[in-house]
């Protein structure tokens, strides 16, 4: 009876390890997908920053510094 009990315990441990390995693999996939999304979002943000900076430069080039608005 002791050997049967040990075998049952060993089987339960093996089952838990297998389930944990599957869970870790699934979590790794999720983390990988999230990292890809994060990389894309960072690229989009960098592109938007460059675009806003170029628009700001264009606005600054078009208007003389310290010029009073027309309603003065």
N, C-alpha and C. Protein backbone atom coordinates (compact mmCIF):
# COMPACT_ATOMS: atom_id res chain seq x y z
N UNK A 1 0.83 -1.19 0.00
CA UNK A 1 0.00 0.00 0.00
C UNK A 1 0.87 1.26 0.00
N UNK A 2 2.01 1.23 0.64
CA UNK A 2 2.90 2.38 0.68
C UNK A 2 3.45 2.71 -0.69
N UNK A 3 3.80 1.69 -1.47
CA UNK A 3 4.34 1.92 -2.82
C UNK A 3 3.27 2.53 -3.72
N UNK A 4 2.04 2.07 -3.58
CA UNK A 4 0.93 2.60 -4.38
C UNK A 4 0.69 4.06 -4.03
N UNK A 5 0.80 4.40 -2.76
CA UNK A 5 0.60 5.77 -2.32
C UNK A 5 1.71 6.67 -2.87
N UNK A 6 2.93 6.19 -2.85
CA UNK A 6 4.04 6.96 -3.40
C UNK A 6 3.89 7.16 -4.89
N UNK A 7 3.40 6.13 -5.57
CA UNK A 7 3.20 6.24 -7.02
C UNK A 7 2.12 7.26 -7.34
N UNK A 8 1.05 7.27 -6.56
CA UNK A 8 -0.03 8.26 -6.75
C UNK A 8 0.50 9.67 -6.53
N UNK A 9 1.29 9.84 -5.46
CA UNK A 9 1.87 11.15 -5.18
C UNK A 9 2.79 11.59 -6.32
N UNK A 10 3.60 10.66 -6.80
CA UNK A 10 4.51 10.98 -7.88
C UNK A 10 3.74 11.37 -9.14
N UNK A 11 2.66 10.66 -9.42
CA UNK A 11 1.84 10.96 -10.60
C UNK A 11 1.19 12.34 -10.47
N UNK A 12 0.73 12.68 -9.28
CA UNK A 12 0.12 14.00 -9.05
C UNK A 12 1.17 15.10 -9.23
N UNK A 13 2.37 14.85 -8.72
CA UNK A 13 3.44 15.84 -8.88
C UNK A 13 3.79 16.02 -10.34
N UNK A 14 3.90 14.93 -11.07
CA UNK A 14 4.20 15.01 -12.51
C UNK A 14 3.11 15.76 -13.25
N UNK A 15 1.86 15.52 -12.88
CA UNK A 15 0.74 16.20 -13.51
C UNK A 15 0.81 17.70 -13.24
N UNK A 16 1.09 18.07 -11.99
CA UNK A 16 1.20 19.49 -11.65
C UNK A 16 2.35 20.14 -12.40
N UNK A 17 3.47 19.46 -12.51
CA UNK A 17 4.62 20.01 -13.24
C UNK A 17 4.26 20.22 -14.71
N UNK A 18 3.57 19.27 -15.30
CA UNK A 18 3.17 19.39 -16.70
C UNK A 18 2.23 20.58 -16.88
N UNK A 19 1.28 20.74 -15.98
CA UNK A 19 0.35 21.86 -16.06
C UNK A 19 1.09 23.19 -15.89
N UNK A 20 2.05 23.23 -14.97
CA UNK A 20 2.82 24.44 -14.77
C UNK A 20 3.68 24.78 -15.99
N UNK A 21 4.26 23.77 -16.61
CA UNK A 21 5.04 24.01 -17.83
C UNK A 21 4.16 24.58 -18.93
N UNK A 22 2.95 24.03 -19.07
CA UNK A 22 2.01 24.55 -20.07
C UNK A 22 1.64 26.00 -19.77
N UNK A 23 1.41 26.29 -18.49
CA UNK A 23 1.04 27.65 -18.09
C UNK A 23 2.18 28.62 -18.36
N UNK A 24 3.41 28.21 -18.02
CA UNK A 24 4.57 29.07 -18.26
C UNK A 24 4.73 29.33 -19.76
N UNK A 25 4.54 28.32 -20.58
CA UNK A 25 4.63 28.50 -22.03
C UNK A 25 3.57 29.49 -22.53
N UNK A 26 2.36 29.36 -22.03
CA UNK A 26 1.27 30.26 -22.42
C UNK A 26 1.58 31.69 -21.97
N UNK A 27 2.06 31.83 -20.76
CA UNK A 27 2.42 33.16 -20.26
C UNK A 27 3.55 33.77 -21.08
N UNK A 28 4.51 32.98 -21.47
CA UNK A 28 5.60 33.47 -22.32
C UNK A 28 5.07 33.99 -23.65
N UNK A 29 4.09 33.30 -24.21
CA UNK A 29 3.48 33.75 -25.46
C UNK A 29 2.79 35.10 -25.27
N UNK A 30 2.07 35.23 -24.17
CA UNK A 30 1.37 36.49 -23.89
C UNK A 30 2.37 37.62 -23.70
N UNK A 31 3.42 37.37 -22.95
CA UNK A 31 4.44 38.41 -22.72
C UNK A 31 5.09 38.80 -24.05
N UNK A 32 5.35 37.83 -24.89
CA UNK A 32 5.96 38.12 -26.21
C UNK A 32 5.03 38.98 -27.06
N UNK A 33 3.75 38.65 -27.08
CA UNK A 33 2.77 39.44 -27.83
C UNK A 33 2.68 40.86 -27.28
N UNK A 34 2.68 40.99 -25.96
CA UNK A 34 2.61 42.31 -25.35
C UNK A 34 3.86 43.13 -25.67
N UNK A 35 5.02 42.49 -25.69
CA UNK A 35 6.24 43.20 -26.02
C UNK A 35 6.21 43.70 -27.46
N UNK A 36 5.68 42.88 -28.36
CA UNK A 36 5.57 43.31 -29.76
C UNK A 36 4.64 44.52 -29.86
N UNK A 37 3.53 44.50 -29.14
CA UNK A 37 2.61 45.64 -29.15
C UNK A 37 3.28 46.87 -28.56
N UNK A 38 4.00 46.68 -27.48
CA UNK A 38 4.69 47.79 -26.84
C UNK A 38 5.73 48.40 -27.79
N UNK A 39 6.46 47.56 -28.49
CA UNK A 39 7.45 48.05 -29.45
C UNK A 39 6.77 48.88 -30.54
N UNK A 40 5.63 48.38 -31.04
CA UNK A 40 4.90 49.13 -32.07
C UNK A 40 4.40 50.47 -31.53
N UNK A 41 3.87 50.48 -30.31
CA UNK A 41 3.38 51.72 -29.73
C UNK A 41 4.51 52.72 -29.49
N UNK A 42 5.66 52.23 -29.06
CA UNK A 42 6.80 53.12 -28.87
C UNK A 42 7.24 53.72 -30.20
N UNK A 43 7.21 52.93 -31.27
CA UNK A 43 7.58 53.44 -32.59
C UNK A 43 6.57 54.50 -33.04
N UNK A 44 5.30 54.26 -32.79
CA UNK A 44 4.26 55.23 -33.16
C UNK A 44 4.45 56.53 -32.37
N UNK A 45 4.71 56.41 -31.08
CA UNK A 45 4.92 57.61 -30.25
C UNK A 45 6.13 58.40 -30.74
N UNK A 46 7.22 57.71 -31.05
CA UNK A 46 8.41 58.40 -31.54
C UNK A 46 8.11 59.11 -32.86
N UNK A 47 7.34 58.47 -33.73
CA UNK A 47 6.97 59.07 -35.00
C UNK A 47 6.11 60.31 -34.77
N UNK A 48 5.17 60.22 -33.84
CA UNK A 48 4.31 61.37 -33.54
C UNK A 48 5.12 62.53 -32.95
N UNK A 49 6.08 62.21 -32.10
CA UNK A 49 6.93 63.27 -31.53
C UNK A 49 7.70 63.97 -32.65
N UNK A 50 8.27 63.19 -33.56
CA UNK A 50 9.00 63.80 -34.68
C UNK A 50 8.08 64.67 -35.52
N UNK A 51 6.86 64.20 -35.75
CA UNK A 51 5.89 64.95 -36.55
C UNK A 51 5.52 66.27 -35.87
N UNK A 52 5.24 66.21 -34.58
CA UNK A 52 4.88 67.42 -33.84
C UNK A 52 6.06 68.39 -33.83
N UNK A 53 7.27 67.87 -33.63
CA UNK A 53 8.44 68.75 -33.65
C UNK A 53 8.63 69.41 -35.00
N UNK A 54 8.40 68.67 -36.08
CA UNK A 54 8.55 69.26 -37.41
C UNK A 54 7.46 70.31 -37.66
N UNK A 55 6.26 70.06 -37.18
CA UNK A 55 5.20 71.07 -37.30
C UNK A 55 5.54 72.32 -36.49
N UNK A 56 6.07 72.12 -35.30
CA UNK A 56 6.46 73.26 -34.47
C UNK A 56 7.55 74.08 -35.14
N UNK A 57 8.52 73.41 -35.74
CA UNK A 57 9.58 74.11 -36.46
C UNK A 57 9.02 74.90 -37.63
N UNK A 58 8.06 74.31 -38.34
CA UNK A 58 7.46 74.99 -39.48
C UNK A 58 6.70 76.23 -39.02
N UNK A 59 6.00 76.12 -37.91
CA UNK A 59 5.26 77.26 -37.37
C UNK A 59 6.24 78.35 -36.94
N UNK A 60 7.31 77.96 -36.28
CA UNK A 60 8.29 78.93 -35.80
C UNK A 60 9.02 79.64 -36.95
N UNK A 61 9.23 78.94 -38.04
CA UNK A 61 9.90 79.54 -39.19
C UNK A 61 8.99 80.54 -39.90
N UNK A 62 7.70 80.31 -39.84
CA UNK A 62 6.76 81.16 -40.55
C UNK A 62 6.43 82.45 -39.84
N UNK A 63 6.59 82.50 -38.52
CA UNK A 63 6.21 83.69 -37.75
C UNK A 63 7.45 84.33 -37.15
N UNK A 64 7.65 85.62 -37.38
CA UNK A 64 8.78 86.31 -36.77
C UNK A 64 8.65 86.34 -35.25
N UNK A 65 9.78 86.30 -34.57
CA UNK A 65 9.77 86.30 -33.11
C UNK A 65 9.30 87.66 -32.59
N UNK A 66 8.54 87.65 -31.51
CA UNK A 66 8.07 88.84 -30.80
C UNK A 66 7.21 89.77 -31.66
N UNK A 67 6.58 89.29 -32.67
CA UNK A 67 5.69 90.14 -33.48
C UNK A 67 4.34 90.20 -32.78
N UNK A 68 3.78 91.40 -32.72
CA UNK A 68 2.48 91.58 -32.10
C UNK A 68 1.40 91.02 -32.99
N UNK A 69 0.39 90.42 -32.43
CA UNK A 69 -0.73 89.92 -33.23
C UNK A 69 -1.44 91.09 -33.91
N UNK A 70 -2.17 90.86 -35.00
CA UNK A 70 -2.80 91.91 -35.78
C UNK A 70 -3.84 92.73 -35.00
N UNK A 71 -4.39 92.26 -33.95
CA UNK A 71 -5.43 93.02 -33.23
C UNK A 71 -4.86 94.09 -32.32
N UNK A 72 -3.53 94.25 -32.24
CA UNK A 72 -2.91 95.31 -31.42
C UNK A 72 -2.75 96.57 -32.20
